[in-house]
C-alpha atoms as a PDB file:
ATOM      1  CA  UNK A   1     160.840  61.233  45.609  1.00  0.00           C
ATOM      2  CA  UNK A   2     160.069  63.315  48.713  1.00  0.00           C
ATOM      3  CA  UNK A   3     161.589  62.018  51.928  1.00  0.00           C
ATOM      4  CA  UNK A   4     160.592  62.715  55.531  1.00  0.00           C
ATOM      5  CA  UNK A   5     163.327  65.332  55.890  1.00  0.00           C
ATOM      6  CA  UNK A   6     161.973  67.298  52.919  1.00  0.00           C
ATOM      7  CA  UNK A   7     158.484  67.307  54.425  1.00  0.00           C
ATOM      8  CA  UNK A   8     159.885  68.461  57.766  1.00  0.00           C
ATOM      9  CA  UNK A   9     161.862  71.184  55.996  1.00  0.00           C
ATOM     10  CA  UNK A  10     158.771  72.539  54.268  1.00  0.00           C
ATOM     11  CA  UNK A  11     156.768  72.428  57.503  1.00  0.00           C
ATOM     12  CA  UNK A  12     159.504  74.505  59.155  1.00  0.00           C
ATOM     13  CA  UNK A  13     159.391  76.987  56.270  1.00  0.00           C
ATOM     14  CA  UNK A  14     155.590  77.346  56.492  1.00  0.00           C
ATOM     15  CA  UNK A  15     155.805  77.944  60.245  1.00  0.00           C
ATOM     16  CA  UNK A  16     158.370  80.727  59.801  1.00  0.00           C
ATOM     17  CA  UNK A  17     156.404  82.450  57.020  1.00  0.00           C
ATOM     18  CA  UNK A  18     153.282  82.349  59.181  1.00  0.00           C
ATOM     19  CA  UNK A  19     155.145  83.936  62.095  1.00  0.00           C
ATOM     20  CA  UNK A  20     157.333  86.520  60.364  1.00  0.00           C
ATOM     21  CA  UNK A  21     156.533  86.689  56.643  1.00  0.00           C
ATOM     22  CA  UNK A  22     159.861  85.206  55.528  1.00  0.00           C
ATOM     23  CA  UNK A  23     161.941  82.069  55.981  1.00  0.00           C
ATOM     24  CA  UNK A  24     165.343  80.672  55.071  1.00  0.00           C
ATOM     25  CA  UNK A  25     165.969  76.926  55.126  1.00  0.00           C
ATOM     26  CA  UNK A  26     168.924  74.833  54.034  1.00  0.00           C
ATOM     27  CA  UNK A  27     169.004  71.633  51.953  1.00  0.00           C
ATOM     28  CA  UNK A  28     165.818  72.391  50.028  1.00  0.00           C
ATOM     29  CA  UNK A  29     167.191  70.142  47.277  1.00  0.00           C
ATOM     30  CA  UNK A  30     169.969  67.536  47.354  1.00  0.00           C
ATOM     31  CA  UNK A  31     173.281  69.289  46.785  1.00  0.00           C
ATOM     32  CA  UNK A  32     173.816  67.165  43.662  1.00  0.00           C
ATOM     33  CA  UNK A  33     170.651  68.686  42.161  1.00  0.00           C
ATOM     34  CA  UNK A  34     171.776  72.198  43.086  1.00  0.00           C
ATOM     35  CA  UNK A  35     175.134  71.526  41.445  1.00  0.00           C
ATOM     36  CA  UNK A  36     173.332  70.245  38.351  1.00  0.00           C
ATOM     37  CA  UNK A  37     171.356  73.481  38.103  1.00  0.00           C
ATOM     38  CA  UNK A  38     174.548  75.494  38.555  1.00  0.00           C
ATOM     39  CA  UNK A  39     176.153  73.527  35.724  1.00  0.00           C
ATOM     40  CA  UNK A  40     173.177  74.394  33.516  1.00  0.00           C
ATOM     41  CA  UNK A  41     173.734  78.098  34.190  1.00  0.00           C
ATOM     42  CA  UNK A  42     177.406  77.777  33.269  1.00  0.00           C
ATOM     43  CA  UNK A  43     176.520  75.968  30.042  1.00  0.00           C
ATOM     44  CA  UNK A  44     173.897  78.571  29.128  1.00  0.00           C
ATOM     45  CA  UNK A  45     176.431  81.317  29.761  1.00  0.00           C
ATOM     46  CA  UNK A  46     179.055  79.667  27.553  1.00  0.00           C
ATOM     47  CA  UNK A  47     176.416  79.289  24.814  1.00  0.00           C
ATOM     48  CA  UNK A  48     175.417  82.983  25.154  1.00  0.00           C
ATOM     49  CA  UNK A  49     171.820  81.982  25.971  1.00  0.00           C
ATOM     50  CA  UNK A  50     171.559  84.062  29.129  1.00  0.00           C
ATOM     51  CA  UNK A  51     170.040  87.511  28.647  1.00  0.00           C
ATOM     52  CA  UNK A  52     170.284  90.794  30.516  1.00  0.00           C
ATOM     53  CA  UNK A  53     167.608  90.927  33.187  1.00  0.00           C
ATOM     54  CA  UNK A  54     164.969  93.611  32.840  1.00  0.00           C
ATOM     55  CA  UNK A  55     162.781  95.417  35.349  1.00  0.00           C
ATOM     56  CA  UNK A  56     159.206  96.624  35.467  1.00  0.00           C
ATOM     57  CA  UNK A  57     155.881  94.841  35.139  1.00  0.00           C
ATOM     58  CA  UNK A  58     156.837  93.220  31.824  1.00  0.00           C
ATOM     59  CA  UNK A  59     160.587  92.899  32.541  1.00  0.00           C
ATOM     60  CA  UNK A  60     161.369  95.006  29.464  1.00  0.00           C
ATOM     61  CA  UNK A  61     163.597  97.772  30.849  1.00  0.00           C
ATOM     62  CA  UNK A  62     167.287  96.878  31.109  1.00  0.00           C
ATOM     63  CA  UNK A  63     169.165  99.068  33.560  1.00  0.00           C
ATOM     64  CA  UNK A  64     172.624  97.796  34.463  1.00  0.00           C
ATOM     65  CA  UNK A  65     172.918 100.440  37.171  1.00  0.00           C
ATOM     66  CA  UNK A  66     169.935  98.863  38.921  1.00  0.00           C
ATOM     67  CA  UNK A  67     170.640  95.167  38.351  1.00  0.00           C
ATOM     68  CA  UNK A  68     173.505  93.338  36.699  1.00  0.00           C
ATOM     69  CA  UNK A  69     172.335  89.734  36.513  1.00  0.00           C
ATOM     70  CA  UNK A  70     171.873  87.527  33.461  1.00  0.00           C
ATOM     71  CA  UNK A  71     168.829  85.253  33.381  1.00  0.00           C
ATOM     72  CA  UNK A  72     167.140  82.361  31.602  1.00  0.00           C
ATOM     73  CA  UNK A  73     163.392  81.833  32.039  1.00  0.00           C
ATOM     74  CA  UNK A  74     162.333  78.239  32.686  1.00  0.00           C
ATOM     75  CA  UNK A  75     159.515  76.344  30.994  1.00  0.00           C
ATOM     76  CA  UNK A  76     158.233  73.352  32.934  1.00  0.00           C
ATOM     77  CA  UNK A  77     157.135  71.655  29.720  1.00  0.00           C
ATOM     78  CA  UNK A  78     160.735  71.135  28.577  1.00  0.00           C
ATOM     79  CA  UNK A  79     162.420  70.945  31.983  1.00  0.00           C
ATOM     80  CA  UNK A  80     165.686  69.087  32.479  1.00  0.00           C
ATOM     81  CA  UNK A  81     166.024  66.336  35.093  1.00  0.00           C
ATOM     82  CA  UNK A  82     167.380  68.789  37.693  1.00  0.00           C
ATOM     83  CA  UNK A  83     164.672  71.324  36.890  1.00  0.00           C
ATOM     84  CA  UNK A  84     161.961  68.675  37.288  1.00  0.00           C
ATOM     85  CA  UNK A  85     163.257  67.872  40.775  1.00  0.00           C
ATOM     86  CA  UNK A  86     163.022  71.569  41.586  1.00  0.00           C
ATOM     87  CA  UNK A  87     159.517  71.932  40.155  1.00  0.00           C
ATOM     88  CA  UNK A  88     158.343  68.887  42.130  1.00  0.00           C
ATOM     89  CA  UNK A  89     159.514  70.422  45.407  1.00  0.00           C
ATOM     90  CA  UNK A  90     158.022  73.797  44.529  1.00  0.00           C
ATOM     91  CA  UNK A  91     154.640  72.225  43.782  1.00  0.00           C
ATOM     92  CA  UNK A  92     154.681  70.583  47.215  1.00  0.00           C
ATOM     93  CA  UNK A  93     155.540  73.971  48.694  1.00  0.00           C
ATOM     94  CA  UNK A  94     152.732  75.688  46.744  1.00  0.00           C
ATOM     95  CA  UNK A  95     150.141  73.226  48.031  1.00  0.00           C
ATOM     96  CA  UNK A  96     151.441  73.568  51.590  1.00  0.00           C
ATOM     97  CA  UNK A  97     151.305  77.380  51.428  1.00  0.00           C
ATOM     98  CA  UNK A  98     147.742  77.295  50.114  1.00  0.00           C
ATOM     99  CA  UNK A  99     146.654  74.844  52.770  1.00  0.00           C
ATOM    100  CA  UNK A 100     148.220  76.782  55.632  1.00  0.00           C
ATOM    101  CA  UNK A 101     147.694  80.392  54.526  1.00  0.00           C
ATOM    102  CA  UNK A 102     144.798  80.282  52.011  1.00  0.00           C
ATOM    103  CA  UNK A 103     146.784  82.295  49.463  1.00  0.00           C
ATOM    104  CA  UNK A 104     145.222  80.934  46.278  1.00  0.00           C
ATOM    105  CA  UNK A 105     148.586  80.382  44.619  1.00  0.00           C
ATOM    106  CA  UNK A 106     148.004  78.828  41.211  1.00  0.00           C
ATOM    107  CA  UNK A 107     151.190  79.161  39.146  1.00  0.00           C
ATOM    108  CA  UNK A 108     154.952  79.560  39.312  1.00  0.00           C
ATOM    109  CA  UNK A 109     157.275  81.661  37.180  1.00  0.00           C
ATOM    110  CA  UNK A 110     161.007  81.123  37.560  1.00  0.00           C
ATOM    111  CA  UNK A 111     164.376  81.838  36.024  1.00  0.00           C
ATOM    112  CA  UNK A 112     167.986  80.837  36.447  1.00  0.00           C
ATOM    113  CA  UNK A 113     170.246  83.765  37.305  1.00  0.00           C
ATOM    114  CA  UNK A 114     173.944  84.491  37.076  1.00  0.00           C
ATOM    115  CA  UNK A 115     175.453  87.507  38.826  1.00  0.00           C
ATOM    116  CA  UNK A 116     178.976  87.976  37.451  1.00  0.00           C
ATOM    117  CA  UNK A 117     181.550  88.988  40.046  1.00  0.00           C
ATOM    118  CA  UNK A 118     180.826  92.560  41.151  1.00  0.00           C
ATOM    119  CA  UNK A 119     177.218  92.595  39.877  1.00  0.00           C
ATOM    120  CA  UNK A 120     174.386  93.584  42.196  1.00  0.00           C
ATOM    121  CA  UNK A 121     170.653  94.285  42.291  1.00  0.00           C
ATOM    122  CA  UNK A 122     169.816  97.469  44.156  1.00  0.00           C
ATOM    123  CA  UNK A 123     167.052  97.763  46.728  1.00  0.00           C
ATOM    124  CA  UNK A 124     163.616  96.956  45.301  1.00  0.00           C
ATOM    125  CA  UNK A 125     160.334  95.204  46.001  1.00  0.00           C
ATOM    126  CA  UNK A 126     158.889  92.428  43.837  1.00  0.00           C
ATOM    127  CA  UNK A 127     155.314  93.712  43.883  1.00  0.00           C
ATOM    128  CA  UNK A 128     153.740  96.951  45.011  1.00  0.00           C
ATOM    129  CA  UNK A 129     150.564  96.533  47.056  1.00  0.00           C
ATOM    130  CA  UNK A 130     148.791  99.080  44.826  1.00  0.00           C
ATOM    131  CA  UNK A 131     149.087  96.975  41.645  1.00  0.00           C
ATOM    132  CA  UNK A 132     145.626  95.870  40.502  1.00  0.00           C
ATOM    133  CA  UNK A 133     145.518  95.541  36.716  1.00  0.00           C
ATOM    134  CA  UNK A 134     143.732  92.196  36.538  1.00  0.00           C
ATOM    135  CA  UNK A 135     146.905  90.261  35.720  1.00  0.00           C
ATOM    136  CA  UNK A 136     148.337  87.503  37.956  1.00  0.00           C
ATOM    137  CA  UNK A 137     150.231  88.965  40.900  1.00  0.00           C
ATOM    138  CA  UNK A 138     153.456  87.872  42.545  1.00  0.00           C
ATOM    139  CA  UNK A 139     152.464  86.788  46.044  1.00  0.00           C
ATOM    140  CA  UNK A 140     155.442  84.758  47.291  1.00  0.00           C
ATOM    141  CA  UNK A 141     159.081  85.240  46.246  1.00  0.00           C
ATOM    142  CA  UNK A 142     161.430  82.261  46.495  1.00  0.00           C
ATOM    143  CA  UNK A 143     165.176  82.223  45.807  1.00  0.00           C
ATOM    144  CA  UNK A 144     167.141  78.978  45.685  1.00  0.00           C
ATOM    145  CA  UNK A 145     170.914  79.418  45.836  1.00  0.00           C
ATOM    146  CA  UNK A 146     173.208  77.179  43.799  1.00  0.00           C
ATOM    147  CA  UNK A 147     176.676  78.199  44.995  1.00  0.00           C
ATOM    148  CA  UNK A 148     178.997  75.435  46.239  1.00  0.00           C
ATOM    149  CA  UNK A 149     181.648  76.164  48.873  1.00  0.00           C
ATOM    150  CA  UNK A 150     180.412  79.706  49.458  1.00  0.00           C
ATOM    151  CA  UNK A 151     181.872  81.691  52.344  1.00  0.00           C
ATOM    152  CA  UNK A 152     180.943  84.898  54.100  1.00  0.00           C
ATOM    153  CA  UNK A 153     183.861  86.830  52.631  1.00  0.00           C
ATOM    154  CA  UNK A 154     182.689  85.883  49.105  1.00  0.00           C
ATOM    155  CA  UNK A 155     179.860  88.398  49.594  1.00  0.00           C
ATOM    156  CA  UNK A 156     176.737  88.279  47.436  1.00  0.00           C
ATOM    157  CA  UNK A 157     174.376  88.330  50.413  1.00  0.00           C
ATOM    158  CA  UNK A 158     170.656  88.844  50.039  1.00  0.00           C
ATOM    159  CA  UNK A 159     169.821  91.881  52.184  1.00  0.00           C
ATOM    160  CA  UNK A 160     166.239  91.634  53.400  1.00  0.00           C
ATOM    161  CA  UNK A 161     164.804  94.829  54.911  1.00  0.00           C
ATOM    162  CA  UNK A 162     162.581  94.359  57.954  1.00  0.00           C
ATOM    163  CA  UNK A 163     160.809  97.765  58.078  1.00  0.00           C
ATOM    164  CA  UNK A 164     159.388  98.452  54.628  1.00  0.00           C
ATOM    165  CA  UNK A 165     161.675 100.684  52.570  1.00  0.00           C
ATOM    166  CA  UNK A 166     163.521 101.917  55.664  1.00  0.00           C
ATOM    167  CA  UNK A 167     167.219 101.066  55.969  1.00  0.00           C
ATOM    168  CA  UNK A 168     167.000 100.909  59.770  1.00  0.00           C
ATOM    169  CA  UNK A 169     166.878  97.128  60.128  1.00  0.00           C
ATOM    170  CA  UNK A 170     167.886  94.365  57.765  1.00  0.00           C
ATOM    171  CA  UNK A 171     169.004  90.753  57.627  1.00  0.00           C
ATOM    172  CA  UNK A 172     171.903  89.611  55.412  1.00  0.00           C
ATOM    173  CA  UNK A 173     171.540  86.035  54.140  1.00  0.00           C
ATOM    174  CA  UNK A 174     174.493  84.140  52.691  1.00  0.00           C
ATOM    175  CA  UNK A 175     173.701  82.490  49.309  1.00  0.00           C
ATOM    176  CA  UNK A 176     175.040  79.018  50.095  1.00  0.00           C
ATOM    177  CA  UNK A 177     174.182  76.060  47.879  1.00  0.00           C
ATOM    178  CA  UNK A 178     170.657  74.606  48.242  1.00  0.00           C
ATOM    179  CA  UNK A 179     169.500  77.319  50.681  1.00  0.00           C
ATOM    180  CA  UNK A 180     165.971  78.535  49.934  1.00  0.00           C
ATOM    181  CA  UNK A 181     164.741  81.978  50.993  1.00  0.00           C
ATOM    182  CA  UNK A 182     161.005  82.683  50.793  1.00  0.00           C
ATOM    183  CA  UNK A 183     159.215  85.953  51.580  1.00  0.00           C
ATOM    184  CA  UNK A 184     156.023  87.907  50.877  1.00  0.00           C
ATOM    185  CA  UNK A 185     156.507  89.692  47.551  1.00  0.00           C
ATOM    186  CA  UNK A 186     154.648  92.885  48.482  1.00  0.00           C
ATOM    187  CA  UNK A 187     156.137  93.272  51.954  1.00  0.00           C
ATOM    188  CA  UNK A 188     159.914  92.914  51.908  1.00  0.00           C
ATOM    189  CA  UNK A 189     162.256  95.286  50.136  1.00  0.00           C
ATOM    190  CA  UNK A 190     165.524  93.529  49.367  1.00  0.00           C
ATOM    191  CA  UNK A 191     168.756  93.791  47.409  1.00  0.00           C
ATOM    192  CA  UNK A 192     171.580  91.591  46.173  1.00  0.00           C
ATOM    193  CA  UNK A 193     174.994  92.717  47.359  1.00  0.00           C
ATOM    194  CA  UNK A 194     178.054  92.389  45.094  1.00  0.00           C
ATOM    195  CA  UNK A 195     180.148  89.232  45.317  1.00  0.00           C
ATOM    196  CA  UNK A 196     183.794  88.549  44.567  1.00  0.00           C
ATOM    197  CA  UNK A 197     182.816  85.423  42.585  1.00  0.00           C
ATOM    198  CA  UNK A 198     180.121  84.542  40.075  1.00  0.00           C
ATOM    199  CA  UNK A 199     176.902  83.990  42.035  1.00  0.00           C
ATOM    200  CA  UNK A 200     174.143  81.630  40.851  1.00  0.00           C
ATOM    201  CA  UNK A 201     170.521  81.219  41.864  1.00  0.00           C
ATOM    202  CA  UNK A 202     167.090  80.096  40.755  1.00  0.00           C
ATOM    203  CA  UNK A 203     164.550  82.816  41.447  1.00  0.00           C
ATOM    204  CA  UNK A 204     160.809  82.207  41.400  1.00  0.00           C
ATOM    205  CA  UNK A 205     157.446  83.733  42.263  1.00  0.00           C
ATOM    206  CA  UNK A 206     154.199  82.037  43.157  1.00  0.00           C
ATOM    207  CA  UNK A 207     151.334  83.863  41.501  1.00  0.00           C
ATOM    208  CA  UNK A 208     147.815  84.639  42.664  1.00  0.00           C
ATOM    209  CA  UNK A 209     144.864  86.107  40.802  1.00  0.00           C
END
């Protein structure tokens, strides 16, 4: 069920993306749902079902020097209760983005992610503007954080670069539980800084043709 606060939250997010190309909002999901998703990551890790994250167009190259996270791709057809709550909110967001920005977003790909303490993901961009191979393209990146009781000295910030691939200006965003960060996939270079604790998130991309 979507309450008035959720609608207001998404309207705020759309306004910020329109103005600056990125947005960060808190309480995207109830904290109980975020904790449920975090528990799923822990269970997958214990069961050795998380896999080393890859890079490149087909996510096939594993390079631990570039990124150290473990991931689990989601399938909406067999989603858990917590995942369904997430997918419901993301569908509302997709429709709102299309209505406001005419982006033609038609699908979502997403995975759970665990960054063990000390792991990072070096500076990168989710989609180069020059890509044009006829396959669906990542248009909007969205990261939902699942970390309870997270503090600034725990680290693990998302560093979002404001001037292309230049290091001259950036914004560090703390990955607190149920915070959602959304940005244009082909515009913002970003990196995940190391944390002193295990760091959990649900990362997704809205796709366009």
